[in-house]
Amino acid sequence: MLKLVISAVLVVAVSAVLITLSSNSVNSKIQELEKSKDRGKLSWYAARANAKGQTEARVAAPIIEYAVPKDLDEALAYYSLVIVEPVEKKSYPEESTITSWYKFRLIEELSSPTRLCTTCPDIAPAPADMLPLKSDEFVAPRCEGEIELAGVKLVSVNPDFPSFEKGKRYLIFLAFDTARTAAALRMGPWGAFRLDDLDQLKAVNEYKHPVIDELTGGADHSLNKLRRRLKTGK
């Protein structure tokens, strides 16, 4: 009996040593990754998750500077105002970010721009694997989404600009390319609104801004009210 007790204690002691060594190895690997020159890259997030034994990791969303006009009239001057429905979404890895391309069905174009932004960057072309597009479709990118890398699901979420939901309707301000196959959401959350079943407008993020206030303020923040304003100018 004494020998059995000693053997059991020995097994426990050896197991504890192995666990400690394994834990030290994991901690050493994590500390090494924290100092890595690749910190912040998608490959780094995946490696750190694997070192921690995790199957999912959150990727920090990039800070984006949006081209937000001072008021609704300026927004209408520089951007197309359209009603759309998302029909497809594909996410692609870049070095440090995840980019999701949305395919939209154009339901209605309420207004077209009258001015050109000469300082805005070029609009990125549509990914080849999302082509061809139907005559009433276009695509637009967002910095968010999820991919799988090295066995880890990497998720990037922009809490200030929620993902578009398939099958929902949205009113958005955007800039089209010359072929009208790709677009840029240059106003970000300041230029995106949900439409409910009663055609009421709700900003995807209720910041305080003249564009949002003018479209969603008051008792009547409906699509019909906006149509009347666009028709009459007031």
Protein backbone atom coordinates (compact mmCIF):
# COMPACT_ATOMS: atom_id res chain seq x y z
CA MET A 1 0.00 0.00 0.00
CA LEU A 2 2.84 2.37 0.86
CA LYS A 3 4.47 1.79 -2.56
CA LEU A 4 1.18 2.53 -4.33
CA VAL A 5 0.80 5.80 -2.44
CA ILE A 6 4.35 6.82 -3.26
CA SER A 7 3.79 5.97 -6.95
CA ALA A 8 0.61 8.03 -7.06
CA VAL A 9 2.35 11.00 -5.48
CA LEU A 10 5.19 10.67 -7.98
CA VAL A 11 2.75 10.67 -10.94
CA VAL A 12 1.04 13.80 -9.62
CA ALA A 13 4.38 15.52 -9.10
CA VAL A 14 5.60 14.66 -12.61
CA SER A 15 2.29 15.84 -14.11
CA ALA A 16 2.55 19.13 -12.23
CA VAL A 17 6.08 19.66 -13.56
CA LEU A 18 4.98 18.92 -17.14
CA ILE A 19 2.01 21.30 -16.83
CA THR A 20 4.29 24.02 -15.45
CA LEU A 21 6.79 23.51 -18.26
CA SER A 22 4.01 23.59 -20.85
CA SER A 23 2.52 26.72 -19.29
CA ASN A 24 5.92 28.42 -19.24
CA SER A 25 6.43 27.50 -22.89
CA VAL A 26 3.04 28.97 -23.83
CA ASN A 27 3.70 32.15 -21.84
CA SER A 28 7.11 32.48 -23.45
CA LYS A 29 5.58 32.12 -26.92
CA ILE A 30 2.91 34.73 -26.14
CA GLN A 31 5.49 37.17 -24.76
CA GLU A 32 7.58 36.65 -27.89
CA LEU A 33 4.56 37.41 -30.08
CA GLU A 34 3.73 40.56 -28.09
CA LYS A 35 7.17 41.92 -29.03
CA SER A 36 7.00 40.75 -32.64
CA LYS A 37 7.47 43.23 -35.50
CA ASP A 38 4.41 41.57 -37.08
CA ARG A 39 2.16 42.64 -34.22
CA GLY A 40 -1.19 43.77 -35.58
CA LYS A 41 -1.04 41.72 -38.78
CA LEU A 42 -3.70 39.08 -39.40
CA SER A 43 -1.04 36.36 -39.25
CA TRP A 44 -0.02 37.68 -35.81
CA TYR A 45 -3.58 37.50 -34.47
CA ALA A 46 -3.85 33.90 -35.72
CA ALA A 47 -0.48 32.91 -34.20
CA ARG A 48 -1.37 34.44 -30.84
CA ALA A 49 -4.73 32.66 -30.78
CA ASN A 50 -3.04 29.35 -31.58
CA ALA A 51 -0.49 29.94 -28.81
CA LYS A 52 -3.35 30.49 -26.36
CA GLY A 53 -5.27 27.46 -27.62
CA GLN A 54 -8.07 29.65 -28.97
CA THR A 55 -10.04 29.04 -32.16
CA GLU A 56 -11.31 32.62 -32.56
CA ALA A 57 -9.77 36.07 -32.21
CA ARG A 58 -10.96 39.65 -32.58
CA VAL A 59 -9.05 41.88 -34.99
CA ALA A 60 -8.93 45.59 -34.21
CA ALA A 61 -10.91 47.63 -36.72
CA PRO A 62 -8.84 50.36 -38.44
CA ILE A 63 -9.45 54.04 -37.80
CA ILE A 64 -11.07 55.51 -40.91
CA GLU A 65 -11.42 59.13 -41.89
CA TYR A 66 -14.77 59.67 -43.56
CA ALA A 67 -15.65 62.49 -45.94
CA VAL A 68 -18.72 63.81 -44.13
CA PRO A 69 -20.43 66.93 -45.56
CA LYS A 70 -21.53 69.74 -43.25
CA ASP A 71 -25.26 69.29 -43.94
CA LEU A 72 -27.85 67.47 -46.04
CA ASP A 73 -27.64 69.86 -48.99
CA GLU A 74 -23.89 69.33 -49.28
CA ALA A 75 -24.32 65.57 -48.93
CA LEU A 76 -26.81 65.58 -51.79
CA ALA A 77 -24.42 67.69 -53.89
CA TYR A 78 -21.49 65.28 -53.58
CA TYR A 79 -23.11 61.85 -53.29
CA SER A 80 -25.72 59.64 -54.87
CA LEU A 81 -28.60 58.88 -52.52
CA VAL A 82 -29.95 55.40 -53.09
CA ILE A 83 -32.17 52.73 -51.57
CA VAL A 84 -30.49 49.34 -51.63
CA GLU A 85 -30.75 45.78 -50.41
CA PRO A 86 -27.60 43.73 -49.58
CA VAL A 87 -27.68 40.40 -51.41
CA GLU A 88 -24.17 39.01 -50.82
CA LYS A 89 -21.10 39.59 -48.68
CA LYS A 90 -17.56 38.27 -49.11
CA SER A 91 -14.64 38.92 -46.77
CA TYR A 92 -11.02 39.12 -47.88
CA PRO A 93 -7.77 39.21 -45.86
CA GLU A 94 -5.33 42.05 -46.27
CA GLU A 95 -2.10 42.43 -44.32
CA SER A 96 -3.59 43.92 -41.16
CA THR A 97 -7.29 44.29 -41.93
CA ILE A 98 -10.28 42.34 -43.14
CA THR A 99 -12.24 43.90 -45.99
CA SER A 100 -15.77 42.82 -46.76
CA TRP A 101 -17.30 43.55 -50.13
CA TYR A 102 -21.08 43.85 -50.23
CA LYS A 103 -23.12 43.22 -53.33
CA PHE A 104 -26.17 45.47 -53.33
CA ARG A 105 -29.34 45.44 -55.37
CA LEU A 106 -30.24 48.98 -56.34
CA ILE A 107 -33.91 49.51 -55.54
CA GLU A 108 -34.18 53.24 -56.24
CA GLU A 109 -31.89 56.19 -56.88
CA LEU A 110 -33.36 59.26 -55.21
CA SER A 111 -30.77 61.82 -56.30
CA SER A 112 -27.50 62.16 -58.18
CA PRO A 113 -24.47 64.30 -57.31
CA THR A 114 -23.93 67.70 -58.88
CA ARG A 115 -20.32 68.17 -57.73
CA LEU A 116 -17.17 66.08 -57.99
CA CYS A 117 -14.84 65.45 -55.06
CA THR A 118 -11.41 66.17 -56.52
CA THR A 119 -9.49 65.23 -53.36
CA CYS A 120 -11.15 61.87 -52.71
CA PRO A 121 -9.23 58.64 -53.44
CA ASP A 122 -10.11 56.49 -56.43
CA ILE A 123 -12.85 53.92 -55.98
CA ALA A 124 -11.47 50.38 -55.74
CA PRO A 125 -12.56 47.97 -58.50
CA ALA A 126 -14.88 45.08 -57.74
CA PRO A 127 -13.24 41.73 -56.83
CA ALA A 128 -13.17 39.43 -59.83
CA ASP A 129 -14.97 36.62 -58.01
CA MET A 130 -18.01 38.89 -57.41
CA LEU A 131 -18.44 39.51 -61.11
CA PRO A 132 -20.42 39.55 -63.32
CA LEU A 133 -23.06 41.82 -61.85
CA LYS A 134 -26.67 42.17 -62.88
CA SER A 135 -27.79 45.48 -64.36
CA ASP A 136 -29.29 46.56 -61.01
CA GLU A 137 -26.33 45.49 -58.86
CA PHE A 138 -23.12 47.09 -57.62
CA VAL A 139 -20.52 46.38 -54.94
CA ALA A 140 -18.96 48.42 -52.14
CA PRO A 141 -16.26 47.60 -49.55
CA ARG A 142 -16.22 47.92 -45.76
CA CYS A 143 -13.35 47.35 -43.28
CA GLU A 144 -14.95 44.56 -41.23
CA GLY A 145 -15.91 40.91 -41.52
CA GLU A 146 -14.53 37.48 -40.70
CA ILE A 147 -12.13 35.03 -42.30
CA GLU A 148 -10.33 31.82 -41.30
CA LEU A 149 -6.54 31.82 -41.10
CA ALA A 150 -4.30 29.02 -39.78
CA GLY A 151 -7.30 27.30 -38.24
CA VAL A 152 -8.45 30.45 -36.41
CA LYS A 153 -11.59 32.45 -37.12
CA LEU A 154 -10.59 36.11 -37.22
CA VAL A 155 -13.41 38.58 -36.64
CA SER A 156 -13.27 42.33 -37.20
CA VAL A 157 -16.21 44.41 -35.99
CA ASN A 158 -16.76 48.15 -36.30
CA PRO A 159 -19.11 48.98 -33.41
CA ASP A 160 -19.75 52.46 -34.82
CA PHE A 161 -20.79 51.13 -38.23
CA PRO A 162 -22.73 47.84 -37.94
CA SER A 163 -22.61 45.31 -40.76
CA PHE A 164 -25.33 45.49 -43.40
CA GLU A 165 -27.89 42.72 -43.03
CA LYS A 166 -28.91 40.65 -46.01
CA GLY A 167 -32.52 41.15 -46.99
CA LYS A 168 -32.87 44.50 -45.18
CA ARG A 169 -33.34 47.83 -46.95
CA TYR A 170 -31.03 50.79 -46.48
CA LEU A 171 -30.87 54.39 -47.57
CA ILE A 172 -27.22 55.26 -48.20
CA PHE A 173 -25.10 58.08 -49.56
CA LEU A 174 -22.29 56.84 -51.80
CA ALA A 175 -19.97 57.64 -54.67
CA PHE A 176 -20.12 55.47 -57.79
CA ASP A 177 -17.28 54.74 -60.17
CA THR A 178 -17.78 55.70 -63.82
CA ALA A 179 -19.08 52.23 -64.72
CA ARG A 180 -21.44 52.23 -61.73
CA THR A 181 -20.32 48.74 -60.78
CA ALA A 182 -18.37 49.73 -57.65
CA ALA A 183 -19.00 52.40 -55.05
CA ALA A 184 -17.48 53.91 -51.92
CA LEU A 185 -19.33 54.57 -48.67
CA ARG A 186 -17.35 57.74 -48.01
CA MET A 187 -19.75 59.10 -45.39
CA GLY A 188 -19.52 55.92 -43.32
CA PRO A 189 -22.16 55.65 -40.57
CA TRP A 190 -23.13 59.30 -41.10
CA GLY A 191 -24.55 58.31 -44.47
CA ALA A 192 -26.34 55.01 -43.80
CA PHE A 193 -29.92 54.57 -42.60
CA ARG A 194 -32.16 51.54 -42.12
CA LEU A 195 -35.65 51.49 -43.61
CA ASP A 196 -38.33 49.63 -41.67
CA ASP A 197 -41.55 48.15 -43.06
CA LEU A 198 -43.27 51.55 -42.71
CA ASP A 199 -40.48 53.33 -44.63
CA GLN A 200 -39.27 55.10 -41.49
CA LEU A 201 -35.59 56.09 -41.43
CA LYS A 202 -33.26 55.13 -38.59
CA ALA A 203 -29.54 55.99 -38.61
CA VAL A 204 -27.26 52.96 -38.21
CA ASN A 205 -25.42 55.00 -35.59
CA GLU A 206 -27.24 57.91 -34.01
CA TYR A 207 -24.46 60.47 -33.92
CA LYS A 208 -25.36 64.11 -33.57
CA HIS A 209 -24.88 65.56 -37.05
CA PRO A 210 -27.00 67.83 -39.30
CA VAL A 211 -27.44 65.11 -41.97
CA ILE A 212 -28.69 62.58 -39.43
CA ASP A 213 -30.78 65.15 -37.59
CA GLU A 214 -32.47 66.34 -40.78
CA LEU A 215 -33.34 62.82 -41.94
CA THR A 216 -34.39 61.29 -38.62
CA GLY A 217 -35.48 64.28 -36.52
CA GLY A 218 -39.08 65.14 -35.68
CA ALA A 219 -42.19 62.99 -35.58
CA ASP A 220 -42.10 62.27 -39.31
CA HIS A 221 -38.75 60.79 -40.34
CA SER A 222 -40.09 58.87 -43.29
CA LEU A 223 -38.93 58.15 -46.80
CA ASN A 224 -42.00 59.99 -48.12
CA LYS A 225 -40.96 63.15 -46.27
CA LEU A 226 -37.50 62.90 -47.83
CA ARG A 227 -38.99 62.41 -51.28
CA ARG A 228 -41.10 65.56 -50.81
CA ARG A 229 -38.03 67.52 -49.79
CA LEU A 230 -36.07 66.31 -52.81
CA LYS A 231 -38.97 67.23 -55.10
CA THR A 232 -39.76 70.65 -53.64
CA GLY A 233 -36.35 71.61 -52.28
CA LYS A 234 -37.75 72.20 -48.78
